[in-house]
PDB file of all heavy atoms in Angstrom:
ATOM      1  N   ALA A   1      -0.109 -18.877 -26.519  1.00  0.00           N
ATOM      2  CA  ALA A   1      -1.318 -19.198 -25.772  1.00  0.00           C
ATOM      3  C   ALA A   1      -1.803 -18.046 -24.881  1.00  0.00           C
ATOM      4  O   ALA A   1      -3.146 -17.804 -24.786  1.00  0.00           O
ATOM      5  CB  ALA A   1      -1.246 -20.509 -24.932  1.00  0.00           C
ATOM      6  N   LYS A   2      -1.066 -17.214 -24.399  1.00  0.00           N
ATOM      7  CA  LYS A   2      -1.251 -16.034 -23.695  1.00  0.00           C
ATOM      8  C   LYS A   2      -0.233 -14.910 -23.948  1.00  0.00           C
ATOM      9  O   LYS A   2       0.827 -15.190 -24.549  1.00  0.00           O
ATOM     10  CB  LYS A   2      -1.356 -16.408 -22.230  1.00  0.00           C
ATOM     11  CG  LYS A   2      -0.034 -16.969 -21.652  1.00  0.00           C
ATOM     12  CD  LYS A   2      -0.113 -17.457 -20.275  1.00  0.00           C
ATOM     13  CE  LYS A   2       1.089 -18.211 -19.867  1.00  0.00           C
ATOM     14  NZ  LYS A   2       0.905 -18.733 -18.592  1.00  0.00           N
ATOM     15  N   PRO A   3      -0.610 -13.729 -23.631  1.00  0.00           N
ATOM     16  CA  PRO A   3       0.342 -12.596 -24.058  1.00  0.00           C
ATOM     17  C   PRO A   3       1.688 -12.735 -23.312  1.00  0.00           C
ATOM     18  O   PRO A   3       1.846 -13.400 -22.360  1.00  0.00           O
ATOM     19  CB  PRO A   3      -0.466 -11.409 -23.635  1.00  0.00           C
ATOM     20  CG  PRO A   3      -1.883 -11.752 -23.413  1.00  0.00           C
ATOM     21  CD  PRO A   3      -1.876 -13.224 -23.116  1.00  0.00           C
ATOM     22  N   ALA A   4       2.618 -12.039 -24.020  1.00  0.00           N
ATOM     23  CA  ALA A   4       3.982 -12.133 -23.390  1.00  0.00           C
ATOM     24  C   ALA A   4       3.968 -11.507 -21.938  1.00  0.00           C
ATOM     25  O   ALA A   4       3.177 -10.523 -21.745  1.00  0.00           O
ATOM     26  CB  ALA A   4       4.925 -11.382 -24.323  1.00  0.00           C
ATOM     27  N   ALA A   5       4.829 -11.892 -21.185  1.00  0.00           N
ATOM     28  CA  ALA A   5       5.010 -11.306 -19.863  1.00  0.00           C
ATOM     29  C   ALA A   5       5.585  -9.940 -19.838  1.00  0.00           C
ATOM     30  O   ALA A   5       6.293  -9.549 -20.839  1.00  0.00           O
ATOM     31  CB  ALA A   5       5.869 -12.232 -18.988  1.00  0.00           C
ATOM     32  N   VAL A   6       5.350  -9.161 -18.758  1.00  0.00           N
ATOM     33  CA  VAL A   6       5.905  -7.803 -18.682  1.00  0.00           C
ATOM     34  C   VAL A   6       7.316  -7.963 -18.197  1.00  0.00           C
ATOM     35  O   VAL A   6       7.669  -8.965 -17.573  1.00  0.00           O
ATOM     36  CB  VAL A   6       5.043  -7.029 -17.572  1.00  0.00           C
ATOM     37  CG1 VAL A   6       5.659  -5.600 -17.346  1.00  0.00           C
ATOM     38  CG2 VAL A   6       3.637  -6.970 -18.038  1.00  0.00           C
ATOM     39  N   SER A   7       8.161  -7.043 -18.573  1.00  0.00           N
ATOM     40  CA  SER A   7       9.527  -6.976 -18.296  1.00  0.00           C
ATOM     41  C   SER A   7       9.798  -7.135 -16.755  1.00  0.00           C
ATOM     42  O   SER A   7       9.001  -6.568 -15.889  1.00  0.00           O
ATOM     43  CB  SER A   7      10.272  -5.818 -18.715  1.00  0.00           C
ATOM     44  OG  SER A   7      11.543  -5.771 -18.420  1.00  0.00           O
ATOM     45  N   GLY A   8      10.837  -8.024 -16.385  1.00  0.00           N
ATOM     46  CA  GLY A   8      11.033  -8.220 -14.970  1.00  0.00           C
ATOM     47  C   GLY A   8      11.923  -7.098 -14.305  1.00  0.00           C
ATOM     48  O   GLY A   8      12.275  -6.174 -15.009  1.00  0.00           O
ATOM     49  N   PRO A   9      12.110  -7.144 -13.082  1.00  0.00           N
ATOM     50  CA  PRO A   9      12.852  -6.153 -12.399  1.00  0.00           C
ATOM     51  C   PRO A   9      14.428  -6.254 -12.418  1.00  0.00           C
ATOM     52  O   PRO A   9      14.948  -7.434 -12.688  1.00  0.00           O
ATOM     53  CB  PRO A   9      12.407  -6.124 -10.898  1.00  0.00           C
ATOM     54  CG  PRO A   9      12.108  -7.667 -10.818  1.00  0.00           C
ATOM     55  CD  PRO A   9      11.612  -8.086 -12.124  1.00  0.00           C
ATOM     56  N   GLY A  10      15.214  -5.326 -12.368  1.00  0.00           N
ATOM     57  CA  GLY A  10      16.574  -5.279 -12.165  1.00  0.00           C
ATOM     58  C   GLY A  10      17.314  -6.036 -13.377  1.00  0.00           C
ATOM     59  O   GLY A  10      17.162  -5.735 -14.515  1.00  0.00           O
ATOM     60  N   ALA A  11      18.087  -7.026 -13.010  1.00  0.00           N
ATOM     61  CA  ALA A  11      18.936  -7.713 -14.000  1.00  0.00           C
ATOM     62  C   ALA A  11      18.067  -8.621 -14.893  1.00  0.00           C
ATOM     63  O   ALA A  11      18.439  -9.014 -15.971  1.00  0.00           O
ATOM     64  CB  ALA A  11      19.904  -8.635 -13.199  1.00  0.00           C
ATOM     65  N   LEU A  12      16.845  -8.875 -14.592  1.00  0.00           N
ATOM     66  CA  LEU A  12      15.950  -9.681 -15.306  1.00  0.00           C
ATOM     67  C   LEU A  12      15.220  -8.853 -16.325  1.00  0.00           C
ATOM     68  O   LEU A  12      14.322  -9.358 -17.043  1.00  0.00           O
ATOM     69  CB  LEU A  12      14.910 -10.328 -14.454  1.00  0.00           C
ATOM     70  CG  LEU A  12      15.543 -11.264 -13.449  1.00  0.00           C
ATOM     71  CD1 LEU A  12      14.501 -11.897 -12.512  1.00  0.00           C
ATOM     72  CD2 LEU A  12      16.284 -12.499 -14.124  1.00  0.00           C
ATOM     73  N   SER A  13      15.397  -7.444 -16.368  1.00  0.00           N
ATOM     74  CA  SER A  13      14.533  -6.551 -17.121  1.00  0.00           C
ATOM     75  C   SER A  13      15.015  -6.726 -18.601  1.00  0.00           C
ATOM     76  O   SER A  13      16.071  -7.016 -18.912  1.00  0.00           O
ATOM     77  CB  SER A  13      14.709  -5.115 -16.762  1.00  0.00           C
ATOM     78  OG  SER A  13      16.049  -4.700 -16.905  1.00  0.00           O
ATOM     79  N   GLN A  14      13.994  -6.570 -19.438  1.00  0.00           N
ATOM     80  CA  GLN A  14      14.241  -6.523 -20.846  1.00  0.00           C
ATOM     81  C   GLN A  14      13.643  -5.239 -21.464  1.00  0.00           C
ATOM     82  O   GLN A  14      12.609  -4.797 -20.972  1.00  0.00           O
ATOM     83  CB  GLN A  14      13.605  -7.735 -21.538  1.00  0.00           C
ATOM     84  CG  GLN A  14      14.242  -9.082 -21.115  1.00  0.00           C
ATOM     85  CD  GLN A  14      13.512 -10.217 -21.717  1.00  0.00           C
ATOM     86  OE1 GLN A  14      12.483 -10.074 -22.423  1.00  0.00           O
ATOM     87  NE2 GLN A  14      14.038 -11.373 -21.624  1.00  0.00           N
ATOM     88  N   ARG A  15      14.181  -4.742 -22.448  1.00  0.00           N
ATOM     89  CA  ARG A  15      13.611  -3.530 -23.136  1.00  0.00           C
ATOM     90  C   ARG A  15      12.216  -3.762 -23.606  1.00  0.00           C
ATOM     91  O   ARG A  15      12.006  -4.850 -24.300  1.00  0.00           O
ATOM     92  CB  ARG A  15      14.568  -2.992 -24.253  1.00  0.00           C
ATOM     93  CG  ARG A  15      15.919  -2.615 -23.616  1.00  0.00           C
ATOM     94  CD  ARG A  15      16.693  -1.940 -24.807  1.00  0.00           C
ATOM     95  NE  ARG A  15      16.009  -0.698 -25.220  1.00  0.00           N
ATOM     96  CZ  ARG A  15      16.639   0.208 -25.971  1.00  0.00           C
ATOM     97  NH1 ARG A  15      17.789   0.082 -26.287  1.00  0.00           N
ATOM     98  NH2 ARG A  15      15.877   1.341 -26.211  1.00  0.00           N
ATOM     99  N   THR A  16      11.344  -2.914 -23.358  1.00  0.00           N
ATOM    100  CA  THR A  16      10.002  -3.079 -23.847  1.00  0.00           C
ATOM    101  C   THR A  16       9.576  -1.890 -24.762  1.00  0.00           C
ATOM    102  O   THR A  16       8.412  -1.680 -25.142  1.00  0.00           O
ATOM    103  CB  THR A  16       8.916  -3.111 -22.634  1.00  0.00           C
ATOM    104  OG1 THR A  16       9.017  -1.868 -22.035  1.00  0.00           O
ATOM    105  CG2 THR A  16       9.224  -4.387 -21.922  1.00  0.00           C
ATOM    106  N   ASP A  17      10.549  -0.960 -25.065  1.00  0.00           N
ATOM    107  CA  ASP A  17      10.221   0.206 -25.889  1.00  0.00           C
ATOM    108  C   ASP A  17      10.584  -0.032 -27.306  1.00  0.00           C
ATOM    109  O   ASP A  17      10.720   0.884 -28.101  1.00  0.00           O
ATOM    110  CB  ASP A  17      11.107   1.496 -25.331  1.00  0.00           C
ATOM    111  CG  ASP A  17      12.561   1.273 -25.474  1.00  0.00           C
ATOM    112  OD1 ASP A  17      13.064   0.077 -25.658  1.00  0.00           O
ATOM    113  OD2 ASP A  17      13.326   2.219 -25.353  1.00  0.00           O
ATOM    114  N   GLY A  18      10.683  -1.343 -27.723  1.00  0.00           N
ATOM    115  CA  GLY A  18      10.952  -1.721 -29.145  1.00  0.00           C
ATOM    116  C   GLY A  18       9.836  -1.376 -30.085  1.00  0.00           C
ATOM    117  O   GLY A  18       8.763  -0.850 -29.578  1.00  0.00           O
ATOM    118  N   GLN A  19       9.956  -1.829 -31.238  1.00  0.00           N
ATOM    119  CA  GLN A  19       8.943  -1.654 -32.171  1.00  0.00           C
ATOM    120  C   GLN A  19       8.723  -2.978 -33.002  1.00  0.00           C
ATOM    121  O   GLN A  19       9.669  -3.833 -32.969  1.00  0.00           O
ATOM    122  CB  GLN A  19       9.219  -0.526 -33.118  1.00  0.00           C
ATOM    123  CG  GLN A  19      10.546  -0.709 -33.857  1.00  0.00           C
ATOM    124  CD  GLN A  19      10.936   0.537 -34.573  1.00  0.00           C
ATOM    125  OE1 GLN A  19      10.253   1.545 -34.538  1.00  0.00           O
ATOM    126  NE2 GLN A  19      12.182   0.570 -35.135  1.00  0.00           N
ATOM    127  N   PRO A  20       7.624  -3.209 -33.563  1.00  0.00           N
ATOM    128  CA  PRO A  20       7.429  -4.455 -34.387  1.00  0.00           C
ATOM    129  C   PRO A  20       8.533  -4.454 -35.485  1.00  0.00           C
ATOM    130  O   PRO A  20       8.711  -3.553 -36.209  1.00  0.00           O
ATOM    131  CB  PRO A  20       6.111  -4.398 -34.979  1.00  0.00           C
ATOM    132  CG  PRO A  20       5.449  -3.116 -34.694  1.00  0.00           C
ATOM    133  CD  PRO A  20       6.434  -2.394 -33.668  1.00  0.00           C
ATOM    134  N   VAL A  21       9.108  -5.718 -35.713  1.00  0.00           N
ATOM    135  CA  VAL A  21      10.170  -5.856 -36.641  1.00  0.00           C
ATOM    136  C   VAL A  21       9.593  -6.239 -38.035  1.00  0.00           C
ATOM    137  O   VAL A  21       8.710  -7.148 -37.953  1.00  0.00           O
ATOM    138  CB  VAL A  21      11.188  -6.788 -36.253  1.00  0.00           C
ATOM    139  CG1 VAL A  21      12.250  -7.125 -37.401  1.00  0.00           C
ATOM    140  CG2 VAL A  21      11.869  -6.373 -34.967  1.00  0.00           C
ATOM    141  N   ARG A  22       9.826  -5.475 -39.072  1.00  0.00           N
ATOM    142  CA  ARG A  22       9.257  -5.834 -40.362  1.00  0.00           C
ATOM    143  C   ARG A  22      10.451  -6.266 -41.248  1.00  0.00           C
ATOM    144  O   ARG A  22      11.492  -5.541 -41.498  1.00  0.00           O
ATOM    145  CB  ARG A  22       8.630  -4.638 -41.035  1.00  0.00           C
ATOM    146  CG  ARG A  22       7.353  -4.320 -40.217  1.00  0.00           C
ATOM    147  CD  ARG A  22       6.564  -3.100 -40.767  1.00  0.00           C
ATOM    148  NE  ARG A  22       5.345  -2.968 -40.214  1.00  0.00           N
ATOM    149  CZ  ARG A  22       5.195  -2.415 -38.936  1.00  0.00           C
ATOM    150  NH1 ARG A  22       6.159  -1.978 -38.345  1.00  0.00           N
ATOM    151  NH2 ARG A  22       3.982  -2.151 -38.500  1.00  0.00           N
ATOM    152  N   ASP A  23      10.248  -7.437 -41.857  1.00  0.00           N
ATOM    153  CA  ASP A  23      11.325  -8.008 -42.751  1.00  0.00           C
ATOM    154  C   ASP A  23      11.229  -7.372 -44.152  1.00  0.00           C
ATOM    155  O   ASP A  23      10.007  -7.160 -44.588  1.00  0.00           O
ATOM    156  CB  ASP A  23      11.239  -9.480 -42.868  1.00  0.00           C
ATOM    157  CG  ASP A  23      11.643 -10.184 -41.565  1.00  0.00           C
ATOM    158  OD1 ASP A  23      12.536  -9.748 -40.997  1.00  0.00           O
ATOM    159  OD2 ASP A  23      10.980 -11.193 -41.233  1.00  0.00           O
ATOM    160  N   ILE A  24      12.284  -6.982 -44.753  1.00  0.00           N
ATOM    161  CA  ILE A  24      12.286  -6.389 -46.065  1.00  0.00           C
ATOM    162  C   ILE A  24      12.599  -7.553 -47.091  1.00  0.00           C
ATOM    163  O   ILE A  24      13.220  -8.487 -46.736  1.00  0.00           O
ATOM    164  CB  ILE A  24      13.298  -5.291 -46.111  1.00  0.00           C
ATOM    165  CG1 ILE A  24      14.637  -5.744 -45.980  1.00  0.00           C
ATOM    166  CG2 ILE A  24      12.855  -4.137 -45.399  1.00  0.00           C
ATOM    167  CD1 ILE A  24      15.744  -4.635 -46.229  1.00  0.00           C
TER     168      ILE A  24
END
C-alpha cells in the first residue's frame, strides 16, 4: 500500500545496496 521503509539504525539496519532479484 505504501513504499518500503528506510533501513533502521544500528542493530535494526538492513542492507539497502541490493539489486532487484530476477528468477531464471
